[in-house]
Amino acid sequence: MSQSIALVFPHQLFQDHPALEQDRPILLIEDPLFFGTDSEQPLKFHAKKLILHRASMRHWAQGKKDLTYLELPDEETRTDLLLDEHIPRKTETLVYVDTVDFLIERRLK
C-alpha cells in the first residue's frame, strides 16, 4: 500500500475536505504565497488578513487526527522547498484539492 499525505492550504479549509476521505495523514501548510513571504512572488498583505488566515487554520486543525501544522519559516522560501523539507521520503502520493493557483500547481509537480 502506498504512503500518501493530504496537503491542505490556507484557502482550502473545507468542512468536508475531499483529500481527507481516507484517513491519510494531513499536512496543513502556512504557504508562503498566502503570507507574503514567497521568495519569487513577495506580496504585502494587510496584517488582519494574515491574522485571519492563521486563526482559521488553527481552528480548522482542532480535533483532526494525524495532522502536522507546518508553520511559516522566518525566512523567505517557496512552496516546493518547504515541502521538500517536511514530507517524509517514504511518501509516494500527495493528495490535494485543486489549488486554483498556477504557482502552487507548478511547484507541486
Foldseek 3Di string as FASTA:
>chain_A
DAAEEEEAELVQLDPCFPLPPPVHAYEYEPFCVQVQQAPVGGDDDDPVSVVVSVVSSVVSPPPRPNYDYHDDDPHRHHPLVSVVVPPDPRHDYYDYDPPPDPRVVVSVD
